[in-house]
Amino acid sequence: MPGCRSLHGLPPTVIYSGTYDVLYTDIIKTEQKLRASGVDAALHTAGKFGHVYPLYPVPEGRKARREISKIMLRPWW
């Protein structure tokens, strides 16, 4: 996604990534590009975790799942 010209018009976007994610640098660039395009974007990171850390049965994963549940219940339109 970092190579896309514009991300303008995308809906609010929330990204979760561990710092050990093989795509971590691309995720950082994507979040920056989303914001630069005027998209309401938020990046949540957890140190020393991989790509799907919200699924892990650890405190950081449980916290992420609680946050995601709250986000999914909010109206976004």
PDB file of N, CA and C in Angstrom:
ATOM      1  N   MET A   1       0.795  -1.201   0.000  1.00  0.00           N
ATOM      2  CA  MET A   1       0.000   0.000   0.000  1.00  0.00           C
ATOM      3  C   MET A   1       0.845   1.277   0.000  1.00  0.00           C
ATOM      4  N   PRO A   2       2.052   1.298   0.560  1.00  0.00           N
ATOM      5  CA  PRO A   2       2.819   2.532   0.558  1.00  0.00           C
ATOM      6  C   PRO A   2       3.083   3.091  -0.835  1.00  0.00           C
ATOM      7  N   GLY A   3       3.069   2.272  -1.871  1.00  0.00           N
ATOM      8  CA  GLY A   3       3.332   2.742  -3.214  1.00  0.00           C
ATOM      9  C   GLY A   3       2.142   3.414  -3.889  1.00  0.00           C
ATOM     10  N   CYS A   4       0.959   3.312  -3.305  1.00  0.00           N
ATOM     11  CA  CYS A   4      -0.232   3.924  -3.895  1.00  0.00           C
ATOM     12  C   CYS A   4      -0.081   5.436  -3.939  1.00  0.00           C
ATOM     13  N   ARG A   5      -0.644   6.060  -4.945  1.00  0.00           N
ATOM     14  CA  ARG A   5      -0.529   7.514  -5.073  1.00  0.00           C
ATOM     15  C   ARG A   5      -1.329   8.243  -3.998  1.00  0.00           C
ATOM     16  N   SER A   6      -2.585   7.913  -3.836  1.00  0.00           N
ATOM     17  CA  SER A   6      -3.417   8.601  -2.853  1.00  0.00           C
ATOM     18  C   SER A   6      -4.346   7.603  -2.175  1.00  0.00           C
ATOM     19  N   LEU A   7      -4.537   7.812  -0.908  1.00  0.00           N
ATOM     20  CA  LEU A   7      -5.463   6.975  -0.161  1.00  0.00           C
ATOM     21  C   LEU A   7      -6.664   7.795   0.280  1.00  0.00           C
ATOM     22  N   HIS A   8      -6.781   8.998  -0.276  1.00  0.00           N
ATOM     23  CA  HIS A   8      -7.873   9.906   0.057  1.00  0.00           C
ATOM     24  C   HIS A   8      -9.221   9.216  -0.160  1.00  0.00           C
ATOM     25  N   GLY A   9     -10.123   9.417   0.777  1.00  0.00           N
ATOM     26  CA  GLY A   9     -11.465   8.868   0.651  1.00  0.00           C
ATOM     27  C   GLY A   9     -11.666   7.539   1.342  1.00  0.00           C
ATOM     28  N   LEU A  10     -10.599   6.945   1.846  1.00  0.00           N
ATOM     29  CA  LEU A  10     -10.765   5.688   2.580  1.00  0.00           C
ATOM     30  C   LEU A  10     -11.441   5.964   3.922  1.00  0.00           C
ATOM     31  N   PRO A  11     -12.157   4.990   4.449  1.00  0.00           N
ATOM     32  CA  PRO A  11     -12.816   5.179   5.750  1.00  0.00           C
ATOM     33  C   PRO A  11     -11.777   5.208   6.872  1.00  0.00           C
ATOM     34  N   PRO A  12     -12.192   5.597   8.073  1.00  0.00           N
ATOM     35  CA  PRO A  12     -11.275   5.543   9.216  1.00  0.00           C
ATOM     36  C   PRO A  12     -10.633   4.154   9.299  1.00  0.00           C
ATOM     37  N   THR A  13      -9.343   4.145   9.589  1.00  0.00           N
ATOM     38  CA  THR A  13      -8.568   2.912   9.547  1.00  0.00           C
ATOM     39  C   THR A  13      -7.788   2.725  10.834  1.00  0.00           C
ATOM     40  N   VAL A  14      -7.875   1.543  11.406  1.00  0.00           N
ATOM     41  CA  VAL A  14      -7.112   1.202  12.603  1.00  0.00           C
ATOM     42  C   VAL A  14      -6.221   0.018  12.248  1.00  0.00           C
ATOM     43  N   ILE A  15      -4.938   0.135  12.575  1.00  0.00           N
ATOM     44  CA  ILE A  15      -3.959  -0.888  12.234  1.00  0.00           C
ATOM     45  C   ILE A  15      -3.315  -1.400  13.524  1.00  0.00           C
ATOM     46  N   TYR A  16      -3.217  -2.703  13.645  1.00  0.00           N
ATOM     47  CA  TYR A  16      -2.526  -3.339  14.768  1.00  0.00           C
ATOM     48  C   TYR A  16      -1.333  -4.103  14.209  1.00  0.00           C
ATOM     49  N   SER A  17      -0.168  -3.900  14.832  1.00  0.00           N
ATOM     50  CA  SER A  17       1.030  -4.591  14.373  1.00  0.00           C
ATOM     51  C   SER A  17       2.008  -4.768  15.519  1.00  0.00           C
ATOM     52  N   GLY A  18       2.688  -5.890  15.503  1.00  0.00           N
ATOM     53  CA  GLY A  18       3.793  -6.096  16.430  1.00  0.00           C
ATOM     54  C   GLY A  18       5.068  -5.559  15.813  1.00  0.00           C
ATOM     55  N   THR A  19       6.021  -5.163  16.631  1.00  0.00           N
ATOM     56  CA  THR A  19       7.259  -4.599  16.103  1.00  0.00           C
ATOM     57  C   THR A  19       8.135  -5.647  15.425  1.00  0.00           C
ATOM     58  N   TYR A  20       7.848  -6.925  15.627  1.00  0.00           N
ATOM     59  CA  TYR A  20       8.592  -7.987  14.943  1.00  0.00           C
ATOM     60  C   TYR A  20       7.890  -8.444  13.662  1.00  0.00           C
ATOM     61  N   ASP A  21       6.829  -7.759  13.295  1.00  0.00           N
ATOM     62  CA  ASP A  21       6.106  -8.073  12.062  1.00  0.00           C
ATOM     63  C   ASP A  21       7.041  -7.847  10.874  1.00  0.00           C
ATOM     64  N   VAL A  22       7.123  -8.808   9.974  1.00  0.00           N
ATOM     65  CA  VAL A  22       7.978  -8.674   8.797  1.00  0.00           C
ATOM     66  C   VAL A  22       7.556  -7.467   7.949  1.00  0.00           C
ATOM     67  N   LEU A  23       6.320  -7.035   8.065  1.00  0.00           N
ATOM     68  CA  LEU A  23       5.811  -5.891   7.308  1.00  0.00           C
ATOM     69  C   LEU A  23       5.814  -4.588   8.111  1.00  0.00           C
ATOM     70  N   TYR A  24       6.441  -4.583   9.257  1.00  0.00           N
ATOM     71  CA  TYR A  24       6.356  -3.442  10.179  1.00  0.00           C
ATOM     72  C   TYR A  24       6.720  -2.107   9.522  1.00  0.00           C
ATOM     73  N   THR A  25       7.823  -2.040   8.797  1.00  0.00           N
ATOM     74  CA  THR A  25       8.197  -0.763   8.183  1.00  0.00           C
ATOM     75  C   THR A  25       7.175  -0.320   7.141  1.00  0.00           C
ATOM     76  N   ASP A  26       6.612  -1.259   6.393  1.00  0.00           N
ATOM     77  CA  ASP A  26       5.559  -0.912   5.434  1.00  0.00           C
ATOM     78  C   ASP A  26       4.300  -0.437   6.151  1.00  0.00           C
ATOM     79  N   ILE A  27       4.011  -1.028   7.299  1.00  0.00           N
ATOM     80  CA  ILE A  27       2.833  -0.634   8.074  1.00  0.00           C
ATOM     81  C   ILE A  27       2.989   0.791   8.579  1.00  0.00           C
ATOM     82  N   ILE A  28       4.178   1.147   9.045  1.00  0.00           N
ATOM     83  CA  ILE A  28       4.446   2.510   9.495  1.00  0.00           C
ATOM     84  C   ILE A  28       4.241   3.487   8.343  1.00  0.00           C
ATOM     85  N   LYS A  29       4.804   3.167   7.182  1.00  0.00           N
ATOM     86  CA  LYS A  29       4.662   4.030   6.004  1.00  0.00           C
ATOM     87  C   LYS A  29       3.203   4.158   5.573  1.00  0.00           C
ATOM     88  N   THR A  30       2.463   3.061   5.652  1.00  0.00           N
ATOM     89  CA  THR A  30       1.053   3.088   5.268  1.00  0.00           C
ATOM     90  C   THR A  30       0.252   3.991   6.187  1.00  0.00           C
ATOM     91  N   GLU A  31       0.491   3.882   7.484  1.00  0.00           N
ATOM     92  CA  GLU A  31      -0.227   4.742   8.435  1.00  0.00           C
ATOM     93  C   GLU A  31       0.097   6.205   8.169  1.00  0.00           C
ATOM     94  N   GLN A  32       1.341   6.524   7.890  1.00  0.00           N
ATOM     95  CA  GLN A  32       1.742   7.895   7.585  1.00  0.00           C
ATOM     96  C   GLN A  32       1.078   8.386   6.301  1.00  0.00           C
ATOM     97  N   LYS A  33       1.020   7.519   5.304  1.00  0.00           N
ATOM     98  CA  LYS A  33       0.401   7.895   4.026  1.00  0.00           C
ATOM     99  C   LYS A  33      -1.109   8.088   4.188  1.00  0.00           C
ATOM    100  N   LEU A  34      -1.742   7.244   5.003  1.00  0.00           N
ATOM    101  CA  LEU A  34      -3.164   7.420   5.273  1.00  0.00           C
ATOM    102  C   LEU A  34      -3.426   8.800   5.888  1.00  0.00           C
ATOM    103  N   ARG A  35      -2.657   9.151   6.908  1.00  0.00           N
ATOM    104  CA  ARG A  35      -2.825  10.449   7.565  1.00  0.00           C
ATOM    105  C   ARG A  35      -2.553  11.603   6.603  1.00  0.00           C
ATOM    106  N   ALA A  36      -1.509  11.467   5.795  1.00  0.00           N
ATOM    107  CA  ALA A  36      -1.175  12.509   4.827  1.00  0.00           C
ATOM    108  C   ALA A  36      -2.282  12.688   3.786  1.00  0.00           C
ATOM    109  N   SER A  37      -3.054  11.640   3.549  1.00  0.00           N
ATOM    110  CA  SER A  37      -4.166  11.692   2.594  1.00  0.00           C
ATOM    111  C   SER A  37      -5.464  12.145   3.248  1.00  0.00           C
ATOM    112  N   GLY A  38      -5.404  12.503   4.533  1.00  0.00           N
ATOM    113  CA  GLY A  38      -6.590  12.988   5.220  1.00  0.00           C
ATOM    114  C   GLY A  38      -7.455  11.910   5.834  1.00  0.00           C
ATOM    115  N   VAL A  39      -6.963  10.695   5.871  1.00  0.00           N
ATOM    116  CA  VAL A  39      -7.723   9.588   6.451  1.00  0.00           C
ATOM    117  C   VAL A  39      -7.493   9.563   7.958  1.00  0.00           C
ATOM    118  N   ASP A  40      -8.559   9.373   8.713  1.00  0.00           N
ATOM    119  CA  ASP A  40      -8.454   9.206  10.164  1.00  0.00           C
ATOM    120  C   ASP A  40      -7.854   7.825  10.404  1.00  0.00           C
ATOM    121  N   ALA A  41      -6.567   7.792  10.760  1.00  0.00           N
ATOM    122  CA  ALA A  41      -5.860   6.520  10.913  1.00  0.00           C
ATOM    123  C   ALA A  41      -5.205   6.439  12.284  1.00  0.00           C
ATOM    124  N   ALA A  42      -5.195   5.239  12.830  1.00  0.00           N
ATOM    125  CA  ALA A  42      -4.542   5.001  14.118  1.00  0.00           C
ATOM    126  C   ALA A  42      -3.731   3.716  14.019  1.00  0.00           C
ATOM    127  N   LEU A  43      -2.514   3.776  14.541  1.00  0.00           N
ATOM    128  CA  LEU A  43      -1.639   2.609  14.551  1.00  0.00           C
ATOM    129  C   LEU A  43      -1.391   2.204  15.995  1.00  0.00           C
ATOM    130  N   HIS A  44      -1.674   0.947  16.308  1.00  0.00           N
ATOM    131  CA  HIS A  44      -1.422   0.385  17.635  1.00  0.00           C
ATOM    132  C   HIS A  44      -0.332  -0.662  17.473  1.00  0.00           C
ATOM    133  N   THR A  45       0.725  -0.545  18.267  1.00  0.00           N
ATOM    134  CA  THR A  45       1.822  -1.502  18.164  1.00  0.00           C
ATOM    135  C   THR A  45       2.067  -2.180  19.505  1.00  0.00           C
ATOM    136  N   ALA A  46       2.617  -3.367  19.418  1.00  0.00           N
ATOM    137  CA  ALA A  46       3.032  -4.116  20.598  1.00  0.00           C
ATOM    138  C   ALA A  46       4.454  -4.596  20.342  1.00  0.00           C
ATOM    139  N   GLY A  47       5.338  -4.311  21.267  1.00  0.00           N
ATOM    140  CA  GLY A  47       6.733  -4.671  21.102  1.00  0.00           C
ATOM    141  C   GLY A  47       6.970  -6.173  21.096  1.00  0.00           C
ATOM    142  N   LYS A  48       7.897  -6.583  20.266  1.00  0.00           N
ATOM    143  CA  LYS A  48       8.366  -7.970  20.196  1.00  0.00           C
ATOM    144  C   LYS A  48       7.285  -8.992  19.855  1.00  0.00           C
ATOM    145  N   PHE A  49       6.289  -8.571  19.078  1.00  0.00           N
ATOM    146  CA  PHE A  49       5.254  -9.494  18.616  1.00  0.00           C
ATOM    147  C   PHE A  49       5.223  -9.470  17.099  1.00  0.00           C
ATOM    148  N   GLY A  50       4.640 -10.503  16.524  1.00  0.00           N
ATOM    149  CA  GLY A  50       4.537 -10.616  15.081  1.00  0.00           C
ATOM    150  C   GLY A  50       3.241 -10.046  14.538  1.00  0.00           C
ATOM    151  N   HIS A  51       2.902 -10.502  13.354  1.00  0.00           N
ATOM    152  CA  HIS A  51       1.817  -9.951  12.550  1.00  0.00           C
ATOM    153  C   HIS A  51       0.433 -10.062  13.203  1.00  0.00           C
ATOM    154  N   VAL A  52       0.114 -11.146  13.803  1.00  0.00           N
ATOM    155  CA  VAL A  52      -1.245 -11.357  14.309  1.00  0.00           C
ATOM    156  C   VAL A  52      -1.300 -11.358  15.845  1.00  0.00           C
ATOM    157  N   TYR A  53      -0.522 -10.485  16.466  1.00  0.00           N
ATOM    158  CA  TYR A  53      -0.447 -10.522  17.929  1.00  0.00           C
ATOM    159  C   TYR A  53      -1.802 -10.375  18.632  1.00  0.00           C
ATOM    160  N   PRO A  54      -2.807  -9.690  18.062  1.00  0.00           N
ATOM    161  CA  PRO A  54      -4.085  -9.647  18.772  1.00  0.00           C
ATOM    162  C   PRO A  54      -4.723 -11.026  18.984  1.00  0.00           C
ATOM    163  N   LEU A  55      -4.283 -12.006  18.228  1.00  0.00           N
ATOM    164  CA  LEU A  55      -4.828 -13.357  18.389  1.00  0.00           C
ATOM    165  C   LEU A  55      -4.099 -14.176  19.449  1.00  0.00           C
ATOM    166  N   TYR A  56      -2.956 -13.699  19.909  1.00  0.00           N
ATOM    167  CA  TYR A  56      -2.164 -14.453  20.876  1.00  0.00           C
ATOM    168  C   TYR A  56      -2.822 -14.433  22.258  1.00  0.00           C
ATOM    169  N   PRO A  57      -2.752 -15.539  22.995  1.00  0.00           N
ATOM    170  CA  PRO A  57      -3.346 -15.602  24.344  1.00  0.00           C
ATOM    171  C   PRO A  57      -2.400 -15.005  25.395  1.00  0.00           C
ATOM    172  N   VAL A  58      -2.091 -13.724  25.217  1.00  0.00           N
ATOM    173  CA  VAL A  58      -1.204 -12.990  26.130  1.00  0.00           C
ATOM    174  C   VAL A  58      -1.897 -11.677  26.483  1.00  0.00           C
ATOM    175  N   PRO A  59      -1.457 -10.983  27.537  1.00  0.00           N
ATOM    176  CA  PRO A  59      -2.124  -9.733  27.924  1.00  0.00           C
ATOM    177  C   PRO A  59      -2.224  -8.708  26.787  1.00  0.00           C
ATOM    178  N   GLU A  60      -1.174  -8.561  26.002  1.00  0.00           N
ATOM    179  CA  GLU A  60      -1.216  -7.597  24.894  1.00  0.00           C
ATOM    180  C   GLU A  60      -2.259  -7.980  23.851  1.00  0.00           C
ATOM    181  N   GLY A  61      -2.375  -9.260  23.581  1.00  0.00           N
ATOM    182  CA  GLY A  61      -3.381  -9.732  22.631  1.00  0.00           C
ATOM    183  C   GLY A  61      -4.789  -9.523  23.149  1.00  0.00           C
ATOM    184  N   ARG A  62      -4.998  -9.819  24.432  1.00  0.00           N
ATOM    185  CA  ARG A  62      -6.327  -9.606  25.021  1.00  0.00           C
ATOM    186  C   ARG A  62      -6.706  -8.127  25.008  1.00  0.00           C
ATOM    187  N   LYS A  63      -5.742  -7.262  25.331  1.00  0.00           N
ATOM    188  CA  LYS A  63      -6.004  -5.825  25.309  1.00  0.00           C
ATOM    189  C   LYS A  63      -6.384  -5.376  23.899  1.00  0.00           C
ATOM    190  N   ALA A  64      -5.653  -5.844  22.902  1.00  0.00           N
ATOM    191  CA  ALA A  64      -5.953  -5.488  21.517  1.00  0.00           C
ATOM    192  C   ALA A  64      -7.346  -5.967  21.119  1.00  0.00           C
ATOM    193  N   ARG A  65      -7.712  -7.171  21.510  1.00  0.00           N
ATOM    194  CA  ARG A  65      -9.050  -7.691  21.172  1.00  0.00           C
ATOM    195  C   ARG A  65     -10.146  -6.854  21.822  1.00  0.00           C
ATOM    196  N   ARG A  66      -9.933  -6.429  23.059  1.00  0.00           N
ATOM    197  CA  ARG A  66     -10.927  -5.563  23.714  1.00  0.00           C
ATOM    198  C   ARG A  66     -11.066  -4.243  22.955  1.00  0.00           C
ATOM    199  N   GLU A  67      -9.931  -3.660  22.566  1.00  0.00           N
ATOM    200  CA  GLU A  67      -9.964  -2.406  21.810  1.00  0.00           C
ATOM    201  C   GLU A  67     -10.666  -2.584  20.473  1.00  0.00           C
ATOM    202  N   ILE A  68     -10.341  -3.665  19.779  1.00  0.00           N
ATOM    203  CA  ILE A  68     -10.963  -3.931  18.476  1.00  0.00           C
ATOM    204  C   ILE A  68     -12.469  -4.113  18.629  1.00  0.00           C
ATOM    205  N   SER A  69     -12.896  -4.798  19.679  1.00  0.00           N
ATOM    206  CA  SER A  69     -14.332  -4.986  19.921  1.00  0.00           C
ATOM    207  C   SER A  69     -15.034  -3.645  20.095  1.00  0.00           C
ATOM    208  N   LYS A  70     -14.416  -2.745  20.847  1.00  0.00           N
ATOM    209  CA  LYS A  70     -15.011  -1.412  21.048  1.00  0.00           C
ATOM    210  C   LYS A  70     -15.078  -0.635  19.738  1.00  0.00           C
ATOM    211  N   ILE A  71     -14.011  -0.734  18.958  1.00  0.00           N
ATOM    212  CA  ILE A  71     -13.994  -0.036  17.660  1.00  0.00           C
ATOM    213  C   ILE A  71     -15.089  -0.558  16.752  1.00  0.00           C
ATOM    214  N   MET A  72     -15.267  -1.871  16.723  1.00  0.00           N
ATOM    215  CA  MET A  72     -16.268  -2.466  15.828  1.00  0.00           C
ATOM    216  C   MET A  72     -17.698  -2.097  16.213  1.00  0.00           C
ATOM    217  N   LEU A  73     -17.910  -1.762  17.467  1.00  0.00           N
ATOM    218  CA  LEU A  73     -19.254  -1.397  17.918  1.00  0.00           C
ATOM    219  C   LEU A  73     -19.581   0.075  17.686  1.00  0.00           C
ATOM    220  N   ARG A  74     -18.566   0.894  17.372  1.00  0.00           N
ATOM    221  CA  ARG A  74     -18.803   2.316  17.119  1.00  0.00           C
ATOM    222  C   ARG A  74     -19.388   2.506  15.733  1.00  0.00           C
ATOM    223  N   PRO A  75     -20.357   3.415  15.629  1.00  0.00           N
ATOM    224  CA  PRO A  75     -20.812   3.755  14.275  1.00  0.00           C
ATOM    225  C   PRO A  75     -19.724   4.584  13.598  1.00  0.00           C
ATOM    226  N   TRP A  76     -19.443   4.315  12.339  1.00  0.00           N
ATOM    227  CA  TRP A  76     -18.368   5.025  11.644  1.00  0.00           C
ATOM    228  C   TRP A  76     -18.870   5.932  10.534  1.00  0.00           C
ATOM    229  N   TRP A  77     -20.136   5.911  10.280  1.00  0.00           N
ATOM    230  CA  TRP A  77     -20.639   6.729   9.177  1.00  0.00           C
ATOM    231  C   TRP A  77     -21.020   8.066   9.625  1.00  0.00           C
TER     232      TRP A  77
END
